[in-house]
Amino acid sequence: MARIDETKAFVPVNIAILTISDSRTAATDTSGDALAERIAKAGHRLVARGIVRDEIAAIEAKLRAWISDPEVDVIITTGGTGITGRDVTPEAFERVMEKRIEGFGELFRMLSYQKIGTSTMQSRALGGVAEGTYLFALPGSPNAVKDAWDEILVWQLDARHRPCNLVELMPRLQEHRTAAAE
């Protein structure tokens, strides 16, 4: 259950949305629109948005560009997490991630199971960290995006959430780099 400590200040996070699809356009990106609406409603900043085809190199290039941008704290992708031949988002994530957030995919599938049953096993939704940037790969359906945001990310990207949240960890995500430089 989500617990918000009202004595703490809300900290807006800079978020980029990447839709991965061979067929969606800016006009038909309903999943990206649902995410953008929720991000704004929560008080965060949408700092970038894009669409790329289901191609590992294209996804990786966009992820790397945003990961290297100091204005981007979180990247949320939608699409390409299934098991068909064109679904390659997790493979692109593997090329850039330093650490996986195992619990994100597990929690997403647990929540999804309550709504779509065993069909959730086809989702390869995942989370991770790269160079201090959080990465989350969501399925391409608007309902999956809404579930992931409304039931997981809105809480974990709120610095007031207790007992802990991802925002309070942000200053520590690159400790290994600092230690290695010393």
C-alpha atoms as a PDB file:
ATOM      1  CA  MET A   1       0.000   0.000   0.000  1.00  0.00           C
ATOM      2  CA  ALA A   2       1.267   3.453  -0.862  1.00  0.00           C
ATOM      3  CA  ARG A   3       2.099   5.717   2.028  1.00  0.00           C
ATOM      4  CA  ILE A   4       2.847   9.390   1.444  1.00  0.00           C
ATOM      5  CA  ASP A   5       4.617  11.400   4.137  1.00  0.00           C
ATOM      6  CA  GLU A   6       3.001  14.821   3.757  1.00  0.00           C
ATOM      7  CA  THR A   7       5.756  16.402   5.888  1.00  0.00           C
ATOM      8  CA  LYS A   8       8.249  15.751   3.068  1.00  0.00           C
ATOM      9  CA  ALA A   9       8.543  17.955  -0.010  1.00  0.00           C
ATOM     10  CA  PHE A  10       7.522  16.672  -3.426  1.00  0.00           C
ATOM     11  CA  VAL A  11      10.512  16.544  -5.800  1.00  0.00           C
ATOM     12  CA  PRO A  12       9.660  16.753  -9.516  1.00  0.00           C
ATOM     13  CA  VAL A  13      11.602  14.293 -11.661  1.00  0.00           C
ATOM     14  CA  ASN A  14      12.613  14.834 -15.312  1.00  0.00           C
ATOM     15  CA  ILE A  15      11.175  12.039 -17.437  1.00  0.00           C
ATOM     16  CA  ALA A  16      11.611  11.050 -21.090  1.00  0.00           C
ATOM     17  CA  ILE A  17       9.122   8.809 -22.903  1.00  0.00           C
ATOM     18  CA  LEU A  18      10.177   6.572 -25.780  1.00  0.00           C
ATOM     19  CA  THR A  19       7.556   4.693 -27.768  1.00  0.00           C
ATOM     20  CA  ILE A  20       8.920   1.667 -29.591  1.00  0.00           C
ATOM     21  CA  SER A  21       6.763   0.698 -32.527  1.00  0.00           C
ATOM     22  CA  ASP A  22       6.844  -0.043 -36.233  1.00  0.00           C
ATOM     23  CA  SER A  23       3.355   1.400 -36.688  1.00  0.00           C
ATOM     24  CA  ARG A  24       2.636   4.179 -34.180  1.00  0.00           C
ATOM     25  CA  THR A  25       3.017   7.848 -34.990  1.00  0.00           C
ATOM     26  CA  ALA A  26       2.767  10.953 -32.815  1.00  0.00           C
ATOM     27  CA  ALA A  27      -0.936  11.075 -33.720  1.00  0.00           C
ATOM     28  CA  THR A  28      -1.621   7.427 -32.790  1.00  0.00           C
ATOM     29  CA  ASP A  29       0.669   7.008 -29.762  1.00  0.00           C
ATOM     30  CA  THR A  30      -2.069   6.393 -27.186  1.00  0.00           C
ATOM     31  CA  SER A  31       0.287   4.706 -24.716  1.00  0.00           C
ATOM     32  CA  GLY A  32       2.770   7.576 -24.861  1.00  0.00           C
ATOM     33  CA  ASP A  33      -0.122  10.024 -24.454  1.00  0.00           C
ATOM     34  CA  ALA A  34      -1.390   8.143 -21.378  1.00  0.00           C
ATOM     35  CA  LEU A  35       2.076   8.287 -19.826  1.00  0.00           C
ATOM     36  CA  ALA A  36       2.583  11.976 -20.643  1.00  0.00           C
ATOM     37  CA  GLU A  37      -0.774  12.826 -19.073  1.00  0.00           C
ATOM     38  CA  ARG A  38       0.049  10.907 -15.893  1.00  0.00           C
ATOM     39  CA  ILE A  39       3.529  12.381 -15.608  1.00  0.00           C
ATOM     40  CA  ALA A  40       2.124  15.923 -15.795  1.00  0.00           C
ATOM     41  CA  LYS A  41      -0.708  15.141 -13.367  1.00  0.00           C
ATOM     42  CA  ALA A  42       1.801  13.789 -10.832  1.00  0.00           C
ATOM     43  CA  GLY A  43       3.800  17.044 -11.038  1.00  0.00           C
ATOM     44  CA  HIS A  44       6.845  15.699 -12.868  1.00  0.00           C
ATOM     45  CA  ARG A  45       8.434  17.215 -15.990  1.00  0.00           C
ATOM     46  CA  LEU A  46       8.265  15.574 -19.415  1.00  0.00           C
ATOM     47  CA  VAL A  47      11.615  16.660 -20.861  1.00  0.00           C
ATOM     48  CA  ALA A  48      11.725  14.520 -24.020  1.00  0.00           C
ATOM     49  CA  ARG A  49       9.515  12.279 -26.080  1.00  0.00           C
ATOM     50  CA  GLY A  50      10.191  10.178 -29.144  1.00  0.00           C
ATOM     51  CA  ILE A  51       9.204   7.216 -31.288  1.00  0.00           C
ATOM     52  CA  VAL A  52      11.617   4.666 -32.748  1.00  0.00           C
ATOM     53  CA  ARG A  53      11.130   1.447 -34.689  1.00  0.00           C
ATOM     54  CA  ASP A  54      11.517  -1.995 -33.106  1.00  0.00           C
ATOM     55  CA  GLU A  55      15.228  -2.140 -33.905  1.00  0.00           C
ATOM     56  CA  ILE A  56      17.886  -2.748 -31.259  1.00  0.00           C
ATOM     57  CA  ALA A  57      20.350  -0.195 -32.668  1.00  0.00           C
ATOM     58  CA  ALA A  58      17.721   2.569 -32.880  1.00  0.00           C
ATOM     59  CA  ILE A  59      16.445   1.903 -29.356  1.00  0.00           C
ATOM     60  CA  GLU A  60      19.965   1.707 -27.935  1.00  0.00           C
ATOM     61  CA  ALA A  61      21.012   4.956 -29.639  1.00  0.00           C
ATOM     62  CA  LYS A  62      18.041   6.879 -28.224  1.00  0.00           C
ATOM     63  CA  LEU A  63      18.534   5.379 -24.750  1.00  0.00           C
ATOM     64  CA  ARG A  64      22.238   6.291 -24.766  1.00  0.00           C
ATOM     65  CA  ALA A  65      21.488   9.847 -25.905  1.00  0.00           C
ATOM     66  CA  TRP A  66      19.002  10.391 -23.102  1.00  0.00           C
ATOM     67  CA  ILE A  67      21.124   8.573 -20.497  1.00  0.00           C
ATOM     68  CA  SER A  68      23.982  10.993 -21.261  1.00  0.00           C
ATOM     69  CA  ASP A  69      21.656  14.015 -20.981  1.00  0.00           C
ATOM     70  CA  PRO A  70      21.900  15.457 -17.436  1.00  0.00           C
ATOM     71  CA  GLU A  71      18.341  16.778 -17.807  1.00  0.00           C
ATOM     72  CA  VAL A  72      16.883  13.231 -17.953  1.00  0.00           C
ATOM     73  CA  ASP A  73      16.414  11.385 -14.643  1.00  0.00           C
ATOM     74  CA  VAL A  74      14.075   8.618 -15.835  1.00  0.00           C
ATOM     75  CA  ILE A  75      13.390   7.013 -19.215  1.00  0.00           C
ATOM     76  CA  ILE A  76      10.133   5.123 -19.666  1.00  0.00           C
ATOM     77  CA  THR A  77       9.649   3.128 -22.843  1.00  0.00           C
ATOM     78  CA  THR A  78       6.438   1.622 -24.096  1.00  0.00           C
ATOM     79  CA  GLY A  79       6.334  -1.236 -26.576  1.00  0.00           C
ATOM     80  CA  GLY A  80       8.578  -4.038 -27.751  1.00  0.00           C
ATOM     81  CA  THR A  81       8.516  -6.075 -24.537  1.00  0.00           C
ATOM     82  CA  GLY A  82       6.670  -9.102 -25.896  1.00  0.00           C
ATOM     83  CA  ILE A  83       8.135 -12.312 -27.272  1.00  0.00           C
ATOM     84  CA  THR A  84       7.663 -11.972 -31.026  1.00  0.00           C
ATOM     85  CA  GLY A  85      10.619 -11.601 -33.352  1.00  0.00           C
ATOM     86  CA  ARG A  86      10.235  -7.801 -33.583  1.00  0.00           C
ATOM     87  CA  ASP A  87      10.042  -7.310 -29.790  1.00  0.00           C
ATOM     88  CA  VAL A  88      13.602  -6.273 -28.931  1.00  0.00           C
ATOM     89  CA  THR A  89      13.311  -3.621 -26.217  1.00  0.00           C
ATOM     90  CA  PRO A  90      14.741  -5.834 -23.433  1.00  0.00           C
ATOM     91  CA  GLU A  91      17.703  -6.721 -25.645  1.00  0.00           C
ATOM     92  CA  ALA A  92      18.405  -3.012 -26.220  1.00  0.00           C
ATOM     93  CA  PHE A  93      18.097  -2.350 -22.482  1.00  0.00           C
ATOM     94  CA  GLU A  94      20.637  -5.107 -21.773  1.00  0.00           C
ATOM     95  CA  ARG A  95      23.169  -3.216 -23.900  1.00  0.00           C
ATOM     96  CA  VAL A  96      22.925  -0.067 -21.760  1.00  0.00           C
ATOM     97  CA  MET A  97      21.925  -1.140 -18.238  1.00  0.00           C
ATOM     98  CA  GLU A  98      24.435  -1.327 -15.425  1.00  0.00           C
ATOM     99  CA  LYS A  99      21.976  -2.828 -12.948  1.00  0.00           C
ATOM    100  CA  ARG A 100      18.567  -4.438 -13.239  1.00  0.00           C
ATOM    101  CA  ILE A 101      15.728  -3.576 -10.898  1.00  0.00           C
ATOM    102  CA  GLU A 102      14.414  -7.132 -10.722  1.00  0.00           C
ATOM    103  CA  GLY A 103      11.453  -6.250  -8.549  1.00  0.00           C
ATOM    104  CA  PHE A 104       9.941  -3.919 -11.132  1.00  0.00           C
ATOM    105  CA  GLY A 105       9.244  -6.619 -13.719  1.00  0.00           C
ATOM    106  CA  GLU A 106       8.153  -9.060 -11.039  1.00  0.00           C
ATOM    107  CA  LEU A 107       5.761  -6.551  -9.479  1.00  0.00           C
ATOM    108  CA  PHE A 108       4.407  -5.472 -12.855  1.00  0.00           C
ATOM    109  CA  ARG A 109       3.608  -9.067 -13.822  1.00  0.00           C
ATOM    110  CA  MET A 110       2.034  -9.736 -10.424  1.00  0.00           C
ATOM    111  CA  LEU A 111      -0.271  -6.728 -10.812  1.00  0.00           C
ATOM    112  CA  SER A 112      -0.949  -7.578 -14.452  1.00  0.00           C
ATOM    113  CA  TYR A 113      -1.846 -11.183 -13.547  1.00  0.00           C
ATOM    114  CA  GLN A 114      -4.752  -9.863 -11.488  1.00  0.00           C
ATOM    115  CA  LYS A 115      -6.176  -8.254 -14.639  1.00  0.00           C
ATOM    116  CA  ILE A 116      -5.170 -10.464 -17.587  1.00  0.00           C
ATOM    117  CA  GLY A 117      -4.319 -13.765 -15.931  1.00  0.00           C
ATOM    118  CA  THR A 118      -1.630 -15.991 -17.325  1.00  0.00           C
ATOM    119  CA  SER A 119      -1.242 -13.830 -20.448  1.00  0.00           C
ATOM    120  CA  THR A 120       1.073 -11.681 -18.321  1.00  0.00           C
ATOM    121  CA  MET A 121       3.806 -14.286 -18.768  1.00  0.00           C
ATOM    122  CA  GLN A 122       4.318 -12.899 -22.286  1.00  0.00           C
ATOM    123  CA  SER A 123       5.505  -9.557 -20.891  1.00  0.00           C
ATOM    124  CA  ARG A 124       9.209  -8.900 -20.511  1.00  0.00           C
ATOM    125  CA  ALA A 125       8.676  -5.566 -18.728  1.00  0.00           C
ATOM    126  CA  LEU A 126      11.810  -4.590 -16.858  1.00  0.00           C
ATOM    127  CA  GLY A 127      13.572  -1.859 -14.950  1.00  0.00           C
ATOM    128  CA  GLY A 128      17.180  -0.868 -14.532  1.00  0.00           C
ATOM    129  CA  VAL A 129      19.765   1.827 -14.000  1.00  0.00           C
ATOM    130  CA  ALA A 130      22.378   3.228 -16.396  1.00  0.00           C
ATOM    131  CA  GLU A 131      24.805   6.026 -15.487  1.00  0.00           C
ATOM    132  CA  GLY A 132      22.454   7.338 -12.794  1.00  0.00           C
ATOM    133  CA  THR A 133      19.335   7.246 -14.994  1.00  0.00           C
ATOM    134  CA  TYR A 134      16.395   4.989 -14.230  1.00  0.00           C
ATOM    135  CA  LEU A 135      15.075   2.925 -17.143  1.00  0.00           C
ATOM    136  CA  PHE A 136      11.665   1.245 -17.307  1.00  0.00           C
ATOM    137  CA  ALA A 137      10.415  -0.827 -20.253  1.00  0.00           C
ATOM    138  CA  LEU A 138       6.631  -1.163 -20.342  1.00  0.00           C
ATOM    139  CA  PRO A 139       4.413  -3.091 -22.741  1.00  0.00           C
ATOM    140  CA  GLY A 140       2.824  -1.094 -25.544  1.00  0.00           C
ATOM    141  CA  SER A 141      -0.813  -1.351 -24.521  1.00  0.00           C
ATOM    142  CA  PRO A 142      -2.414   1.720 -22.933  1.00  0.00           C
ATOM    143  CA  ASN A 143      -3.813  -0.424 -20.107  1.00  0.00           C
ATOM    144  CA  ALA A 144      -0.378  -1.858 -19.279  1.00  0.00           C
ATOM    145  CA  VAL A 145       1.133   1.629 -19.256  1.00  0.00           C
ATOM    146  CA  LYS A 146      -1.606   2.903 -16.975  1.00  0.00           C
ATOM    147  CA  ASP A 147      -1.164  -0.045 -14.594  1.00  0.00           C
ATOM    148  CA  ALA A 148       2.616   0.369 -14.421  1.00  0.00           C
ATOM    149  CA  TRP A 149       2.368   4.092 -13.748  1.00  0.00           C
ATOM    150  CA  ASP A 150      -0.687   4.128 -11.464  1.00  0.00           C
ATOM    151  CA  GLU A 151       0.322   1.175  -9.327  1.00  0.00           C
ATOM    152  CA  ILE A 152       4.127   1.305  -9.268  1.00  0.00           C
ATOM    153  CA  LEU A 153       5.926   4.265 -10.800  1.00  0.00           C
ATOM    154  CA  VAL A 154       3.763   7.102  -9.456  1.00  0.00           C
ATOM    155  CA  TRP A 155       4.658   5.906  -5.950  1.00  0.00           C
ATOM    156  CA  GLN A 156       8.313   5.021  -6.466  1.00  0.00           C
ATOM    157  CA  LEU A 157       8.979   8.324  -8.259  1.00  0.00           C
ATOM    158  CA  ASP A 158       7.537  10.304  -5.339  1.00  0.00           C
ATOM    159  CA  ALA A 159      10.141  11.386  -2.775  1.00  0.00           C
ATOM    160  CA  ARG A 160       7.440  11.380  -0.095  1.00  0.00           C
ATOM    161  CA  HIS A 161       6.626   7.676  -0.470  1.00  0.00           C
ATOM    162  CA  ARG A 162       7.477   5.572   2.575  1.00  0.00           C
ATOM    163  CA  PRO A 163       9.167   3.424   3.655  1.00  0.00           C
ATOM    164  CA  CYS A 164      11.416   4.146   0.658  1.00  0.00           C
ATOM    165  CA  ASN A 165      11.393   5.332  -2.952  1.00  0.00           C
ATOM    166  CA  LEU A 166      13.627   5.609  -5.995  1.00  0.00           C
ATOM    167  CA  VAL A 167      13.939   9.404  -5.849  1.00  0.00           C
ATOM    168  CA  GLU A 168      15.817   9.394  -2.551  1.00  0.00           C
ATOM    169  CA  LEU A 169      18.343   6.971  -4.083  1.00  0.00           C
ATOM    170  CA  MET A 170      19.096   9.166  -7.104  1.00  0.00           C
ATOM    171  CA  PRO A 171      22.062  10.999  -5.523  1.00  0.00           C
ATOM    172  CA  ARG A 172      23.682   7.623  -4.776  1.00  0.00           C
ATOM    173  CA  LEU A 173      23.213   5.873  -8.126  1.00  0.00           C
ATOM    174  CA  GLN A 174      26.721   6.695  -9.314  1.00  0.00           C
ATOM    175  CA  GLU A 175      28.658   6.009  -6.117  1.00  0.00           C
ATOM    176  CA  HIS A 176      30.620   3.254  -7.863  1.00  0.00           C
ATOM    177  CA  ARG A 177      31.910   5.779 -10.411  1.00  0.00           C
ATOM    178  CA  THR A 178      32.954   8.241  -7.702  1.00  0.00           C
ATOM    179  CA  ALA A 179      34.763   5.524  -5.756  1.00  0.00           C
ATOM    180  CA  ALA A 180      36.558   4.275  -8.887  1.00  0.00           C
ATOM    181  CA  ALA A 181      37.739   7.812  -9.729  1.00  0.00           C
ATOM    182  CA  GLU A 182      39.364   8.298  -6.310  1.00  0.00           C
END
